[in-house]
Protein backbone atom coordinates (compact mmCIF):
# COMPACT_ATOMS: atom_id res chain seq x y z
CA UNK A 1 0.05 -0.02 0.11
CA UNK A 2 1.04 3.29 -0.99
CA UNK A 3 1.75 5.83 2.19
CA UNK A 4 0.80 9.11 1.99
CA UNK A 5 4.93 9.83 2.68
CA UNK A 6 5.72 7.50 -0.46
CA UNK A 7 3.04 9.92 -2.45
CA UNK A 8 5.21 12.85 -1.33
CA UNK A 9 8.26 11.26 -2.10
CA UNK A 10 7.41 10.40 -5.11
CA UNK A 11 6.26 14.01 -6.31
CA UNK A 12 9.25 15.08 -4.51
CA UNK A 13 11.18 13.12 -6.81
CA UNK A 14 9.31 14.22 -9.96
CA UNK A 15 9.71 17.90 -9.52
CA UNK A 16 13.75 17.46 -9.13
CA UNK A 17 13.87 15.82 -11.99
CA UNK A 18 11.58 17.28 -14.26
CA UNK A 19 11.72 21.14 -12.61
CA UNK A 20 9.55 22.89 -15.18
CA UNK A 21 6.42 20.95 -15.23
CA UNK A 22 4.74 22.99 -18.38
CA UNK A 23 2.60 21.43 -20.85
CA UNK A 24 3.97 20.43 -24.20
CA UNK A 25 1.42 21.82 -26.54
CA UNK A 26 2.33 25.41 -27.63
CA UNK A 27 0.10 28.03 -27.29
CA UNK A 28 -0.49 32.15 -26.54
CA UNK A 29 -4.06 32.45 -26.07
CA UNK A 30 -6.48 30.65 -23.73
CA UNK A 31 -8.42 29.32 -26.27
CA UNK A 32 -5.26 28.56 -28.57
CA UNK A 33 -4.72 25.72 -25.68
CA UNK A 34 -8.22 24.63 -25.56
CA UNK A 35 -7.91 24.12 -29.96
CA UNK A 36 -4.99 22.61 -29.45
CA UNK A 37 -6.09 19.65 -26.82
CA UNK A 38 -9.22 18.74 -29.15
CA UNK A 39 -6.18 18.22 -32.12
CA UNK A 40 -3.78 16.12 -29.62
CA UNK A 41 -6.67 13.26 -29.41
CA UNK A 42 -5.18 10.30 -31.13
CA UNK A 43 -2.32 12.35 -32.25
CA UNK A 44 0.56 13.62 -30.69
CA UNK A 45 1.75 16.73 -29.15
CA UNK A 46 4.85 17.31 -31.86
CA UNK A 47 2.25 16.96 -34.54
CA UNK A 48 -0.02 19.83 -33.23
CA UNK A 49 2.90 21.97 -32.73
CA UNK A 50 3.69 21.70 -36.19
CA UNK A 51 0.54 22.03 -37.31
CA UNK A 52 -1.04 24.89 -35.18
CA UNK A 53 1.25 27.95 -36.36
CA UNK A 54 -0.23 28.17 -39.42
CA UNK A 55 -3.65 27.34 -38.44
CA UNK A 56 -3.16 30.53 -36.19
CA UNK A 57 -1.98 32.34 -38.83
CA UNK A 58 -5.05 32.11 -41.05
CA UNK A 59 -7.26 32.13 -38.31
CA UNK A 60 -5.96 34.65 -35.65
CA UNK A 61 -8.56 35.65 -33.22
CA UNK A 62 -11.63 33.86 -31.66
CA UNK A 63 -13.97 35.47 -34.14
CA UNK A 64 -12.51 34.55 -37.15
CA UNK A 65 -12.60 30.64 -36.01
CA UNK A 66 -16.08 31.14 -35.31
CA UNK A 67 -16.80 32.27 -39.03
CA UNK A 68 -14.32 29.45 -40.77
CA UNK A 69 -15.30 27.98 -43.34
CA UNK A 70 -14.97 24.11 -41.68
CA UNK A 71 -13.36 22.59 -44.75
CA UNK A 72 -11.30 25.24 -44.54
CA UNK A 73 -10.03 24.26 -40.86
CA UNK A 74 -10.21 20.66 -41.83
CA UNK A 75 -7.08 21.60 -44.68
CA UNK A 76 -4.76 22.78 -42.45
CA UNK A 77 -5.13 20.43 -39.47
CA UNK A 78 -5.60 16.71 -41.47
CA UNK A 79 -2.47 15.75 -41.02
CA UNK A 80 -3.56 15.14 -37.08
CA UNK A 81 -6.06 12.72 -37.80
CA UNK A 82 -10.21 13.14 -37.56
CA UNK A 83 -9.77 16.03 -38.95
CA UNK A 84 -13.54 16.56 -40.26
CA UNK A 85 -14.63 16.10 -36.40
CA UNK A 86 -11.66 18.11 -34.85
CA UNK A 87 -12.43 21.05 -37.28
CA UNK A 88 -15.98 20.99 -36.90
CA UNK A 89 -15.39 21.13 -32.94
CA UNK A 90 -13.20 23.72 -32.85
CA UNK A 91 -15.60 25.68 -34.93
CA UNK A 92 -18.45 25.38 -32.84
CA UNK A 93 -16.41 25.41 -30.04
CA UNK A 94 -15.33 29.36 -31.27
CA UNK A 95 -19.09 30.13 -32.00
CA UNK A 96 -20.21 28.93 -28.77
CA UNK A 97 -17.35 30.49 -26.60
CA UNK A 98 -18.30 34.17 -27.85
CA UNK A 99 -21.82 33.96 -27.89
CA UNK A 100 -22.21 32.10 -24.13
CA UNK A 101 -19.11 33.02 -22.79
CA UNK A 102 -17.83 36.74 -23.94
CA UNK A 103 -15.41 34.77 -25.75
CA UNK A 104 -13.51 33.52 -22.20
CA UNK A 105 -12.59 30.24 -21.96
CA UNK A 106 -15.09 28.88 -19.07
CA UNK A 107 -13.28 27.79 -15.60
CA UNK A 108 -15.58 25.05 -14.27
CA UNK A 109 -15.88 21.69 -15.01
CA UNK A 110 -19.46 22.02 -15.91
CA UNK A 111 -19.29 25.14 -18.69
CA UNK A 112 -16.41 23.21 -19.72
CA UNK A 113 -18.10 19.60 -20.78
CA UNK A 114 -20.60 22.19 -22.68
CA UNK A 115 -18.32 23.27 -25.54
CA UNK A 116 -18.06 20.87 -28.37
CA UNK A 117 -15.36 17.81 -28.06
CA UNK A 118 -14.12 18.74 -24.70
CA UNK A 119 -14.10 15.70 -22.25
CA UNK A 120 -13.04 15.73 -18.77
CA UNK A 121 -9.17 15.02 -19.91
CA UNK A 122 -9.39 18.13 -22.07
CA UNK A 123 -11.78 20.25 -19.14
CA UNK A 124 -9.16 18.96 -16.62
CA UNK A 125 -6.19 20.42 -18.58
CA UNK A 126 -7.78 23.90 -19.02
CA UNK A 127 -8.59 24.45 -15.54
CA UNK A 128 -4.83 23.43 -14.28
CA UNK A 129 -2.88 25.00 -16.93
CA UNK A 130 -5.26 28.45 -17.87
CA UNK A 131 -7.28 28.98 -14.29
CA UNK A 132 -4.33 27.21 -11.89
CA UNK A 133 -7.52 25.45 -9.91
CA UNK A 134 -5.87 22.99 -7.62
CA UNK A 135 -6.82 19.31 -7.38
CA UNK A 136 -7.22 18.70 -10.98
CA UNK A 137 -6.20 15.19 -12.48
CA UNK A 138 -5.29 14.73 -16.31
CA UNK A 139 -5.49 10.78 -16.97
CA UNK A 140 -3.76 10.71 -19.98
CA UNK A 141 -2.44 7.02 -21.10
CA UNK A 142 0.61 8.32 -19.69
CA UNK A 143 -0.34 9.25 -16.17
CA UNK A 144 -2.98 5.99 -16.14
CA UNK A 145 -0.30 3.76 -16.73
CA UNK A 146 2.39 5.22 -14.34
CA UNK A 147 0.24 5.22 -11.79
CA UNK A 148 -1.04 1.89 -11.63
CA UNK A 149 2.50 0.74 -11.69
CA UNK A 150 3.32 3.19 -9.27
CA UNK A 151 0.50 1.96 -6.97
CA UNK A 152 -1.31 4.76 -6.86
CA UNK A 153 -4.42 3.72 -8.60
CA UNK A 154 -5.29 -0.01 -8.56
CA UNK A 155 -4.61 -0.42 -11.90
CA UNK A 156 -7.56 0.42 -13.27
CA UNK A 157 -7.63 1.65 -17.19
CA UNK A 158 -10.88 3.67 -16.96
CA UNK A 159 -9.76 7.24 -17.25
CA UNK A 160 -12.80 8.15 -14.91
CA UNK A 161 -11.72 5.63 -12.33
CA UNK A 162 -8.08 6.92 -12.34
CA UNK A 163 -9.06 10.64 -11.80
CA UNK A 164 -11.03 9.12 -8.98
CA UNK A 165 -8.39 7.63 -6.94
CA UNK A 166 -5.52 10.41 -7.96
CA UNK A 167 -7.90 13.09 -6.48
CA UNK A 168 -7.54 11.55 -2.87
CA UNK A 169 -4.04 10.82 -3.08
CA UNK A 170 -2.04 13.42 -4.48
CA UNK A 171 -1.86 16.61 -2.84
CA UNK A 172 -4.38 19.17 -4.57
CA UNK A 173 -1.79 22.04 -5.14
CA UNK A 174 0.93 19.25 -6.82
CA UNK A 175 -1.71 17.66 -9.18
CA UNK A 176 -1.91 19.56 -12.39
CA UNK A 177 1.86 19.62 -12.19
CA UNK A 178 2.08 15.98 -11.09
CA UNK A 179 0.17 14.72 -14.21
CA UNK A 180 2.51 16.78 -16.92
CA UNK A 181 5.92 15.03 -14.92
CA UNK A 182 3.96 11.87 -15.92
CA UNK A 183 3.94 12.97 -19.49
CA UNK A 184 7.95 13.47 -19.16
CA UNK A 185 8.44 10.73 -17.56
CA UNK A 186 5.97 8.81 -19.53
CA UNK A 187 7.71 8.96 -22.60
CA UNK A 188 11.45 9.52 -21.38
CA UNK A 189 11.98 6.34 -18.85
CA UNK A 190 8.37 4.16 -17.71
CA UNK A 191 7.47 3.94 -21.56
CA UNK A 192 4.56 2.04 -22.68
CA UNK A 193 6.94 -0.51 -25.05
CA UNK A 194 9.38 -1.11 -21.54
CA UNK A 195 9.47 0.66 -17.80
CA UNK A 196 13.02 0.46 -17.57
CA UNK A 197 13.05 0.36 -13.86
CA UNK A 198 17.16 0.45 -13.46
CA UNK A 199 16.91 3.60 -14.82
CA UNK A 200 13.97 5.80 -12.91
CA UNK A 201 13.90 7.67 -10.23
CA UNK A 202 10.30 6.20 -8.79
CA UNK A 203 12.12 2.66 -8.48
CA UNK A 204 12.39 2.60 -4.54
CA UNK A 205 8.52 3.66 -4.33
CA UNK A 206 7.46 1.71 -7.56
CA UNK A 207 5.12 -1.29 -7.13
CA UNK A 208 5.91 -2.63 -10.74
CA UNK A 209 9.58 -1.94 -10.17
CA UNK A 210 9.99 -3.71 -6.89
CA UNK A 211 7.94 -6.28 -8.65
CA UNK A 212 9.97 -6.97 -11.15
CA UNK A 213 12.99 -6.95 -9.17
CA UNK A 214 12.32 -9.96 -6.87
CA UNK A 215 11.90 -11.23 -10.55
CA UNK A 216 14.96 -10.28 -12.19
CA UNK A 217 17.13 -11.85 -8.42
CA UNK A 218 18.42 -15.14 -8.85
CA UNK A 219 16.89 -18.39 -7.03
CA UNK A 220 19.67 -19.25 -4.08
CA UNK A 221 21.66 -22.32 -5.13
């Protein structure tokens, strides 16, 4: 069982390892992050960052997005996949932000979930990165995988359950940055293909690493 002191040690180790816990999606305006997260579904952040400069140059304001031709938006984001649904969501989202929220990105889960294409993962990221709301958990694939290996969750793959379980154990003021650091750690060390436990700072507190170490210990002669 992971104790409170274990959780604090994991949080502190990650802070030391990844002091800059920034979202890897590049943006300047709040709504640009909202759109970038939508584009990142089934797509890499690297690809999204390659696409968005030209997209935001063609549609430099929320008003221009709201008036945009959906097919034209789709041409700019084609390489991100699912471009028809994503372009439609972005245009409709821009229209809704202007008509119902005065052009501002909402700061509550309830309002964010009303926006086209926005689920809990996106809403939590916006609440954390844009509005600095404490206690948010962005349960992406890296976070789900690594927290399960660490023993911070029961190993479920259900994002809603992971979010719920992590909210109970993570310090609210650390949870958003913790999730960003999970992404960084998942790309560098604890990958989906292989957990490099021998090179992992978190191994002393990791349920998976301890199990792997036990399997690799040769039997007594």
